[in-house]
Amino acid sequence: MIDSPSEVIKLRRGNFFEDNIMKGLAFIYCMQYIGYMKQHTFIRSIKRQSLSEQIYESLRAAIIRLELAPGQKIKDVDLAEQFNVSRTPIREAIKRLETEGLVVSEPGAVTRIKAIDLEEVKQAFVVVASLHRLAARLAVPILSKEQIAQLKIYNEELKRSIENDDMISAITADDRFHQVFIKASKNKEIEKVLDYLIPKLRRLEYQKFDSKRGLSSFVDHKAIIKASEKKDVPKVETLVEQNWLSLSDYLIQLK
């Protein structure tokens, strides 16, 4: 194997046959060098979110937080102008949101943010509570000290956000608290179903957020943490399910 490109360049060219040999050797060396660099470099291609994915996530967050209100009309032309993109990624994002039940298309090419359906939310809560119970059952036996510490941190964040009347931060902290169990369960199917259902619940929670109810959840979480530290699986899964179902009862009766 030739040691460096400079060696190829320094070799004296002879007749036509020798000249072509030198070119071939130079080519082989360059290919070997490129192959070596591909295997040993830390530079890698970066996976970037598509425009459609970024727009989908932005619109989804705006719908959940009621920045785009239930029943509000949306137009791909207007959204394309706001995002400064073509209409194609907007339409792709809207199609995904429609599949998730957050957007509806009506006759006459009218697209709206779906109204909050209380019966649908109530049914979703039952499934969400059951899945969180299952996640807790799978997670508690293997929860680490670090994960227990995370639960305490997120619960304190919840309390602090409620005291500061910061609704978005409070709901975010609550999500993070429950995500500890979801991630620890190592069950991707639970995670996928919850990712589909949670937005339906969170819209109603944003609409009816109340600091007193939030503090009640903080107290529920403390009991969950205490039982988790003791590895009391039956108690944790029951407390987790009750935490979600009590939120359902509270939000539904407010409407």
C-alpha atoms as a PDB file:
ATOM      1  CA  MET A   1       0.000   0.000   0.000  1.00  0.00           C
ATOM      2  CA  ILE A   2       1.326   3.481  -0.878  1.00  0.00           C
ATOM      3  CA  ASP A   3       2.001   5.487   2.270  1.00  0.00           C
ATOM      4  CA  SER A   4       0.838   8.914   1.138  1.00  0.00           C
ATOM      5  CA  PRO A   5      -0.469  10.837  -1.890  1.00  0.00           C
ATOM      6  CA  SER A   6       2.836  12.666  -2.125  1.00  0.00           C
ATOM      7  CA  GLU A   7       4.612   9.399  -2.938  1.00  0.00           C
ATOM      8  CA  VAL A   8       2.420   8.931  -5.976  1.00  0.00           C
ATOM      9  CA  ILE A   9       3.073  12.482  -7.118  1.00  0.00           C
ATOM     10  CA  LYS A  10       6.848  12.081  -6.675  1.00  0.00           C
ATOM     11  CA  LEU A  11       7.066   8.914  -8.767  1.00  0.00           C
ATOM     12  CA  ARG A  12       8.639   9.589 -12.073  1.00  0.00           C
ATOM     13  CA  ARG A  13       6.346   9.198 -15.045  1.00  0.00           C
ATOM     14  CA  GLY A  14       7.572   7.039 -17.873  1.00  0.00           C
ATOM     15  CA  ASN A  15       5.878   5.975 -21.052  1.00  0.00           C
ATOM     16  CA  PHE A  16       2.146   5.934 -21.644  1.00  0.00           C
ATOM     17  CA  PHE A  17       1.777   2.525 -19.992  1.00  0.00           C
ATOM     18  CA  GLU A  18       3.670   3.611 -16.862  1.00  0.00           C
ATOM     19  CA  ASP A  19       1.725   6.877 -16.741  1.00  0.00           C
ATOM     20  CA  ASN A  20      -1.586   5.015 -16.629  1.00  0.00           C
ATOM     21  CA  ILE A  21      -0.261   2.700 -13.927  1.00  0.00           C
ATOM     22  CA  MET A  22       0.589   5.759 -11.838  1.00  0.00           C
ATOM     23  CA  LYS A  23      -2.904   7.162 -12.324  1.00  0.00           C
ATOM     24  CA  GLY A  24      -4.436   3.847 -11.313  1.00  0.00           C
ATOM     25  CA  LEU A  25      -2.305   3.635  -8.195  1.00  0.00           C
ATOM     26  CA  ALA A  26      -3.180   7.189  -7.272  1.00  0.00           C
ATOM     27  CA  PHE A  27      -6.880   6.405  -7.667  1.00  0.00           C
ATOM     28  CA  ILE A  28      -6.582   3.250  -5.539  1.00  0.00           C
ATOM     29  CA  TYR A  29      -4.761   5.155  -2.820  1.00  0.00           C
ATOM     30  CA  CYS A  30      -7.363   7.911  -2.765  1.00  0.00           C
ATOM     31  CA  MET A  31     -10.165   5.358  -2.452  1.00  0.00           C
ATOM     32  CA  GLN A  32      -8.322   3.640   0.403  1.00  0.00           C
ATOM     33  CA  TYR A  33      -7.789   6.965   2.131  1.00  0.00           C
ATOM     34  CA  ILE A  34     -11.439   7.975   1.778  1.00  0.00           C
ATOM     35  CA  GLY A  35     -12.535   4.582   3.135  1.00  0.00           C
ATOM     36  CA  TYR A  36     -10.226   4.961   6.110  1.00  0.00           C
ATOM     37  CA  MET A  37     -11.558   8.434   6.895  1.00  0.00           C
ATOM     38  CA  LYS A  38     -15.175   7.274   6.715  1.00  0.00           C
ATOM     39  CA  GLN A  39     -14.449   4.606   9.315  1.00  0.00           C
ATOM     40  CA  HIS A  40     -12.403   6.761  11.694  1.00  0.00           C
ATOM     41  CA  THR A  41     -13.802  10.274  11.486  1.00  0.00           C
ATOM     42  CA  PHE A  42     -16.220  11.661  14.103  1.00  0.00           C
ATOM     43  CA  ILE A  43     -17.912  13.696  11.392  1.00  0.00           C
ATOM     44  CA  ARG A  44     -21.228  12.112  10.501  1.00  0.00           C
ATOM     45  CA  SER A  45     -24.261  13.162   8.537  1.00  0.00           C
ATOM     46  CA  ILE A  46     -26.784  14.829  10.816  1.00  0.00           C
ATOM     47  CA  LYS A  47     -30.403  13.712  10.839  1.00  0.00           C
ATOM     48  CA  ARG A  48     -32.542  16.790  10.494  1.00  0.00           C
ATOM     49  CA  GLN A  49     -36.243  17.090  11.073  1.00  0.00           C
ATOM     50  CA  SER A  50     -38.180  17.694   7.896  1.00  0.00           C
ATOM     51  CA  LEU A  51     -40.052  20.955   7.517  1.00  0.00           C
ATOM     52  CA  SER A  52     -43.274  18.989   7.781  1.00  0.00           C
ATOM     53  CA  GLU A  53     -42.156  17.466  11.115  1.00  0.00           C
ATOM     54  CA  GLN A  54     -41.183  20.833  12.583  1.00  0.00           C
ATOM     55  CA  ILE A  55     -44.451  22.428  11.488  1.00  0.00           C
ATOM     56  CA  TYR A  56     -46.437  19.456  12.802  1.00  0.00           C
ATOM     57  CA  GLU A  57     -44.826  19.749  16.244  1.00  0.00           C
ATOM     58  CA  SER A  58     -45.352  23.521  16.362  1.00  0.00           C
ATOM     59  CA  LEU A  59     -49.019  23.262  15.373  1.00  0.00           C
ATOM     60  CA  ARG A  60     -49.591  20.337  17.741  1.00  0.00           C
ATOM     61  CA  ALA A  61     -48.183  22.303  20.675  1.00  0.00           C
ATOM     62  CA  ALA A  62     -50.281  25.337  19.720  1.00  0.00           C
ATOM     63  CA  ILE A  63     -53.440  23.201  19.591  1.00  0.00           C
ATOM     64  CA  ILE A  64     -52.740  21.502  22.943  1.00  0.00           C
ATOM     65  CA  ARG A  65     -52.051  24.848  24.646  1.00  0.00           C
ATOM     66  CA  LEU A  66     -55.169  26.373  23.041  1.00  0.00           C
ATOM     67  CA  GLU A  67     -53.161  29.000  21.158  1.00  0.00           C
ATOM     68  CA  LEU A  68     -55.189  27.624  18.277  1.00  0.00           C
ATOM     69  CA  ALA A  69     -58.645  27.499  19.829  1.00  0.00           C
ATOM     70  CA  PRO A  70     -61.165  24.644  19.452  1.00  0.00           C
ATOM     71  CA  GLY A  71     -63.341  25.335  16.426  1.00  0.00           C
ATOM     72  CA  GLN A  72     -60.909  27.871  14.956  1.00  0.00           C
ATOM     73  CA  LYS A  73     -60.504  27.845  11.168  1.00  0.00           C
ATOM     74  CA  ILE A  74     -57.018  27.348   9.798  1.00  0.00           C
ATOM     75  CA  LYS A  75     -55.877  27.909   6.218  1.00  0.00           C
ATOM     76  CA  ASP A  76     -52.802  26.371   4.677  1.00  0.00           C
ATOM     77  CA  VAL A  77     -52.131  29.623   2.798  1.00  0.00           C
ATOM     78  CA  ASP A  78     -52.053  31.667   6.002  1.00  0.00           C
ATOM     79  CA  LEU A  79     -49.962  29.083   7.841  1.00  0.00           C
ATOM     80  CA  ALA A  80     -47.510  28.859   4.938  1.00  0.00           C
ATOM     81  CA  GLU A  81     -47.041  32.610   5.153  1.00  0.00           C
ATOM     82  CA  GLN A  82     -46.566  32.472   8.941  1.00  0.00           C
ATOM     83  CA  PHE A  83     -44.000  29.681   8.736  1.00  0.00           C
ATOM     84  CA  ASN A  84     -42.462  31.161   5.583  1.00  0.00           C
ATOM     85  CA  VAL A  85     -42.675  27.856   3.712  1.00  0.00           C
ATOM     86  CA  SER A  86     -44.607  26.406   0.790  1.00  0.00           C
ATOM     87  CA  ARG A  87     -48.054  24.897   1.319  1.00  0.00           C
ATOM     88  CA  THR A  88     -46.838  21.304   0.865  1.00  0.00           C
ATOM     89  CA  PRO A  89     -45.272  20.775   4.350  1.00  0.00           C
ATOM     90  CA  ILE A  90     -48.267  22.603   5.879  1.00  0.00           C
ATOM     91  CA  ARG A  91     -50.682  20.179   4.246  1.00  0.00           C
ATOM     92  CA  GLU A  92     -48.587  17.201   5.339  1.00  0.00           C
ATOM     93  CA  ALA A  93     -48.593  18.435   8.955  1.00  0.00           C
ATOM     94  CA  ILE A  94     -52.346  19.110   8.907  1.00  0.00           C
ATOM     95  CA  LYS A  95     -52.973  15.615   7.548  1.00  0.00           C
ATOM     96  CA  ARG A  96     -51.111  14.111  10.505  1.00  0.00           C
ATOM     97  CA  LEU A  97     -53.033  16.275  12.963  1.00  0.00           C
ATOM     98  CA  GLU A  98     -56.286  15.194  11.348  1.00  0.00           C
ATOM     99  CA  THR A  99     -55.264  11.545  11.768  1.00  0.00           C
ATOM    100  CA  GLU A 100     -54.677  12.228  15.468  1.00  0.00           C
ATOM    101  CA  GLY A 101     -58.108  13.773  15.866  1.00  0.00           C
ATOM    102  CA  LEU A 102     -56.891  17.310  16.566  1.00  0.00           C
ATOM    103  CA  VAL A 103     -58.009  18.810  13.250  1.00  0.00           C
ATOM    104  CA  VAL A 104     -61.113  18.189  11.148  1.00  0.00           C
ATOM    105  CA  SER A 105     -61.812  18.858   7.485  1.00  0.00           C
ATOM    106  CA  GLU A 106     -65.267  20.016   6.504  1.00  0.00           C
ATOM    107  CA  PRO A 107     -67.051  20.332   3.152  1.00  0.00           C
ATOM    108  CA  GLY A 108     -65.978  23.348   1.154  1.00  0.00           C
ATOM    109  CA  ALA A 109     -62.256  22.909   1.888  1.00  0.00           C
ATOM    110  CA  VAL A 110     -62.679  24.237   5.426  1.00  0.00           C
ATOM    111  CA  THR A 111     -60.266  22.994   8.081  1.00  0.00           C
ATOM    112  CA  ARG A 112     -60.848  23.594  11.787  1.00  0.00           C
ATOM    113  CA  ILE A 113     -59.242  22.786  15.097  1.00  0.00           C
ATOM    114  CA  LYS A 114     -61.421  20.011  16.478  1.00  0.00           C
ATOM    115  CA  ALA A 115     -63.772  20.971  19.294  1.00  0.00           C
ATOM    116  CA  ILE A 116     -63.157  19.345  22.673  1.00  0.00           C
ATOM    117  CA  ASP A 117     -65.433  16.307  22.896  1.00  0.00           C
ATOM    118  CA  LEU A 118     -66.092  15.546  26.574  1.00  0.00           C
ATOM    119  CA  GLU A 119     -67.181  11.965  25.972  1.00  0.00           C
ATOM    120  CA  GLU A 120     -64.079  11.315  23.898  1.00  0.00           C
ATOM    121  CA  VAL A 121     -61.895  12.873  26.609  1.00  0.00           C
ATOM    122  CA  LYS A 122     -63.592  10.796  29.306  1.00  0.00           C
ATOM    123  CA  GLN A 123     -62.974   7.572  27.378  1.00  0.00           C
ATOM    124  CA  ALA A 124     -59.373   8.583  26.677  1.00  0.00           C
ATOM    125  CA  PHE A 125     -58.771   9.221  30.384  1.00  0.00           C
ATOM    126  CA  VAL A 126     -59.746   5.627  31.238  1.00  0.00           C
ATOM    127  CA  VAL A 127     -57.222   4.248  28.727  1.00  0.00           C
ATOM    128  CA  VAL A 128     -54.511   6.710  29.781  1.00  0.00           C
ATOM    129  CA  ALA A 129     -54.992   5.860  33.469  1.00  0.00           C
ATOM    130  CA  SER A 130     -54.774   2.140  32.724  1.00  0.00           C
ATOM    131  CA  LEU A 131     -51.629   2.525  30.629  1.00  0.00           C
ATOM    132  CA  HIS A 132     -49.940   4.642  33.291  1.00  0.00           C
ATOM    133  CA  ARG A 133     -50.848   1.980  35.838  1.00  0.00           C
ATOM    134  CA  LEU A 134     -49.238  -0.663  33.620  1.00  0.00           C
ATOM    135  CA  ALA A 135     -46.145   1.491  33.090  1.00  0.00           C
ATOM    136  CA  ALA A 136     -45.798   1.912  36.865  1.00  0.00           C
ATOM    137  CA  ARG A 137     -46.109  -1.846  37.385  1.00  0.00           C
ATOM    138  CA  LEU A 138     -43.278  -2.461  34.908  1.00  0.00           C
ATOM    139  CA  ALA A 139     -41.111   0.434  36.075  1.00  0.00           C
ATOM    140  CA  VAL A 140     -41.188   0.397  39.879  1.00  0.00           C
ATOM    141  CA  PRO A 141     -39.188  -2.829  40.410  1.00  0.00           C
ATOM    142  CA  ILE A 142     -36.310  -1.420  38.352  1.00  0.00           C
ATOM    143  CA  LEU A 143     -36.457   2.279  39.268  1.00  0.00           C
ATOM    144  CA  SER A 144     -32.982   3.574  40.120  1.00  0.00           C
ATOM    145  CA  LYS A 145     -32.072   6.068  42.834  1.00  0.00           C
ATOM    146  CA  GLU A 146     -31.440   8.601  40.080  1.00  0.00           C
ATOM    147  CA  GLN A 147     -34.956   8.109  38.709  1.00  0.00           C
ATOM    148  CA  ILE A 148     -36.473   8.473  42.173  1.00  0.00           C
ATOM    149  CA  ALA A 149     -34.500  11.711  42.493  1.00  0.00           C
ATOM    150  CA  GLN A 150     -35.933  12.860  39.155  1.00  0.00           C
ATOM    151  CA  LEU A 151     -39.465  12.223  40.407  1.00  0.00           C
ATOM    152  CA  LYS A 152     -38.791  14.453  43.420  1.00  0.00           C
ATOM    153  CA  ILE A 153     -37.276  17.211  41.263  1.00  0.00           C
ATOM    154  CA  TYR A 154     -40.195  17.250  38.817  1.00  0.00           C
ATOM    155  CA  ASN A 155     -42.723  17.243  41.646  1.00  0.00           C
ATOM    156  CA  GLU A 156     -41.022  20.235  43.260  1.00  0.00           C
ATOM    157  CA  GLU A 157     -41.055  21.952  39.858  1.00  0.00           C
ATOM    158  CA  LEU A 158     -44.792  21.266  39.700  1.00  0.00           C
ATOM    159  CA  LYS A 159     -45.348  22.852  43.109  1.00  0.00           C
ATOM    160  CA  ARG A 160     -43.173  25.863  42.323  1.00  0.00           C
ATOM    161  CA  SER A 161     -44.902  26.440  38.974  1.00  0.00           C
ATOM    162  CA  ILE A 162     -48.343  26.270  40.603  1.00  0.00           C
ATOM    163  CA  GLU A 163     -47.301  28.754  43.277  1.00  0.00           C
ATOM    164  CA  ASN A 164     -46.041  31.074  40.517  1.00  0.00           C
ATOM    165  CA  ASP A 165     -49.313  30.575  38.610  1.00  0.00           C
ATOM    166  CA  ASP A 166     -47.299  29.272  35.640  1.00  0.00           C
ATOM    167  CA  MET A 167     -49.729  26.889  33.987  1.00  0.00           C
ATOM    168  CA  ILE A 168     -47.502  25.776  31.112  1.00  0.00           C
ATOM    169  CA  SER A 169     -44.557  24.963  33.388  1.00  0.00           C
ATOM    170  CA  ALA A 170     -46.846  23.156  35.837  1.00  0.00           C
ATOM    171  CA  ILE A 171     -48.324  20.883  33.170  1.00  0.00           C
ATOM    172  CA  THR A 172     -44.856  20.324  31.686  1.00  0.00           C
ATOM    173  CA  ALA A 173     -43.525  19.289  35.116  1.00  0.00           C
ATOM    174  CA  ASP A 174     -46.465  16.909  35.544  1.00  0.00           C
ATOM    175  CA  ASP A 175     -45.715  15.353  32.150  1.00  0.00           C
ATOM    176  CA  ARG A 176     -42.059  14.921  33.084  1.00  0.00           C
ATOM    177  CA  PHE A 177     -42.989  13.279  36.371  1.00  0.00           C
ATOM    178  CA  HIS A 178     -45.082  10.605  34.668  1.00  0.00           C
ATOM    179  CA  GLN A 179     -42.567  10.205  31.842  1.00  0.00           C
ATOM    180  CA  VAL A 180     -40.066   8.801  34.354  1.00  0.00           C
ATOM    181  CA  PHE A 181     -42.299   5.733  34.755  1.00  0.00           C
ATOM    182  CA  ILE A 182     -43.018   5.539  31.019  1.00  0.00           C
ATOM    183  CA  LYS A 183     -39.324   5.583  30.087  1.00  0.00           C
ATOM    184  CA  ALA A 184     -38.378   3.184  32.891  1.00  0.00           C
ATOM    185  CA  SER A 185     -41.033   0.692  31.750  1.00  0.00           C
ATOM    186  CA  LYS A 186     -39.103   0.310  28.462  1.00  0.00           C
ATOM    187  CA  ASN A 187     -42.328  -0.374  26.626  1.00  0.00           C
ATOM    188  CA  LYS A 188     -42.466   1.582  23.379  1.00  0.00           C
ATOM    189  CA  GLU A 189     -46.057   0.590  22.659  1.00  0.00           C
ATOM    190  CA  ILE A 190     -47.303   2.214  25.875  1.00  0.00           C
ATOM    191  CA  GLU A 191     -45.343   5.328  24.969  1.00  0.00           C
ATOM    192  CA  LYS A 192     -46.781   5.478  21.446  1.00  0.00           C
ATOM    193  CA  VAL A 193     -50.418   5.095  22.526  1.00  0.00           C
ATOM    194  CA  LEU A 194     -50.037   7.701  25.273  1.00  0.00           C
ATOM    195  CA  ASP A 195     -48.407  10.125  22.850  1.00  0.00           C
ATOM    196  CA  TYR A 196     -51.533   9.824  20.710  1.00  0.00           C
ATOM    197  CA  LEU A 197     -54.046  10.178  23.567  1.00  0.00           C
ATOM    198  CA  ILE A 198     -52.493  12.733  25.935  1.00  0.00           C
ATOM    199  CA  PRO A 199     -53.144  15.787  23.689  1.00  0.00           C
ATOM    200  CA  LYS A 200     -56.885  15.117  23.919  1.00  0.00           C
ATOM    201  CA  LEU A 201     -56.703  15.369  27.718  1.00  0.00           C
ATOM    202  CA  ARG A 202     -54.249  18.219  27.961  1.00  0.00           C
ATOM    203  CA  ARG A 203     -56.466  20.563  25.945  1.00  0.00           C
ATOM    204  CA  LEU A 204     -59.202  20.259  28.556  1.00  0.00           C
ATOM    205  CA  GLU A 205     -56.629  20.632  31.328  1.00  0.00           C
ATOM    206  CA  TYR A 206     -55.302  23.856  29.820  1.00  0.00           C
ATOM    207  CA  GLN A 207     -58.856  25.100  29.468  1.00  0.00           C
ATOM    208  CA  LYS A 208     -59.803  24.283  33.081  1.00  0.00           C
ATOM    209  CA  PHE A 209     -56.464  24.584  34.873  1.00  0.00           C
ATOM    210  CA  ASP A 210     -56.815  25.312  38.573  1.00  0.00           C
ATOM    211  CA  SER A 211     -53.976  25.815  41.055  1.00  0.00           C
ATOM    212  CA  LYS A 212     -55.844  24.017  43.869  1.00  0.00           C
ATOM    213  CA  ARG A 213     -56.240  20.923  41.734  1.00  0.00           C
ATOM    214  CA  GLY A 214     -52.546  21.204  40.794  1.00  0.00           C
ATOM    215  CA  LEU A 215     -51.503  21.187  44.453  1.00  0.00           C
ATOM    216  CA  SER A 216     -53.673  18.128  44.996  1.00  0.00           C
ATOM    217  CA  SER A 217     -51.692  16.397  42.249  1.00  0.00           C
ATOM    218  CA  PHE A 218     -48.471  17.429  43.985  1.00  0.00           C
ATOM    219  CA  VAL A 219     -49.669  15.639  47.134  1.00  0.00           C
ATOM    220  CA  ASP A 220     -50.642  12.565  45.068  1.00  0.00           C
ATOM    221  CA  HIS A 221     -47.165  12.532  43.545  1.00  0.00           C
ATOM    222  CA  LYS A 222     -45.498  12.595  46.982  1.00  0.00           C
ATOM    223  CA  ALA A 223     -47.408   9.444  47.948  1.00  0.00           C
ATOM    224  CA  ILE A 224     -46.402   7.829  44.650  1.00  0.00           C
ATOM    225  CA  ILE A 225     -42.741   8.659  45.276  1.00  0.00           C
ATOM    226  CA  LYS A 226     -42.855   7.266  48.825  1.00  0.00           C
ATOM    227  CA  ALA A 227     -44.382   3.977  47.635  1.00  0.00           C
ATOM    228  CA  SER A 228     -41.881   3.827  44.760  1.00  0.00           C
ATOM    229  CA  GLU A 229     -38.969   4.122  47.178  1.00  0.00           C
ATOM    230  CA  LYS A 230     -40.354   1.109  49.060  1.00  0.00           C
ATOM    231  CA  LYS A 231     -40.812  -0.786  45.770  1.00  0.00           C
ATOM    232  CA  ASP A 232     -44.466  -1.262  46.702  1.00  0.00           C
ATOM    233  CA  VAL A 233     -45.690  -2.058  43.189  1.00  0.00           C
ATOM    234  CA  PRO A 234     -49.420  -2.640  43.932  1.00  0.00           C
ATOM    235  CA  LYS A 235     -49.660   0.615  45.859  1.00  0.00           C
ATOM    236  CA  VAL A 236     -47.816   2.673  43.237  1.00  0.00           C
ATOM    237  CA  GLU A 237     -49.880   1.404  40.327  1.00  0.00           C
ATOM    238  CA  THR A 238     -53.106   2.072  42.246  1.00  0.00           C
ATOM    239  CA  LEU A 239     -52.008   5.599  43.228  1.00  0.00           C
ATOM    240  CA  VAL A 240     -50.921   6.408  39.672  1.00  0.00           C
ATOM    241  CA  GLU A 241     -54.240   5.260  38.200  1.00  0.00           C
ATOM    242  CA  GLN A 242     -56.203   7.190  40.839  1.00  0.00           C
ATOM    243  CA  ASN A 243     -54.155  10.297  40.124  1.00  0.00           C
ATOM    244  CA  TRP A 244     -55.274  10.264  36.496  1.00  0.00           C
ATOM    245  CA  LEU A 245     -58.889   9.268  37.153  1.00  0.00           C
ATOM    246  CA  SER A 246     -59.341  11.951  39.812  1.00  0.00           C
ATOM    247  CA  LEU A 247     -58.082  14.511  37.298  1.00  0.00           C
ATOM    248  CA  SER A 248     -60.656  13.173  34.827  1.00  0.00           C
ATOM    249  CA  ASP A 249     -63.511  13.487  37.340  1.00  0.00           C
ATOM    250  CA  TYR A 250     -62.431  17.004  38.263  1.00  0.00           C
ATOM    251  CA  LEU A 251     -62.127  18.284  34.684  1.00  0.00           C
ATOM    252  CA  ILE A 252     -65.299  16.645  33.371  1.00  0.00           C
ATOM    253  CA  GLN A 253     -67.532  17.968  36.166  1.00  0.00           C
ATOM    254  CA  LEU A 254     -66.245  21.518  35.565  1.00  0.00           C
ATOM    255  CA  LYS A 255     -67.609  21.689  32.016  1.00  0.00           C
END
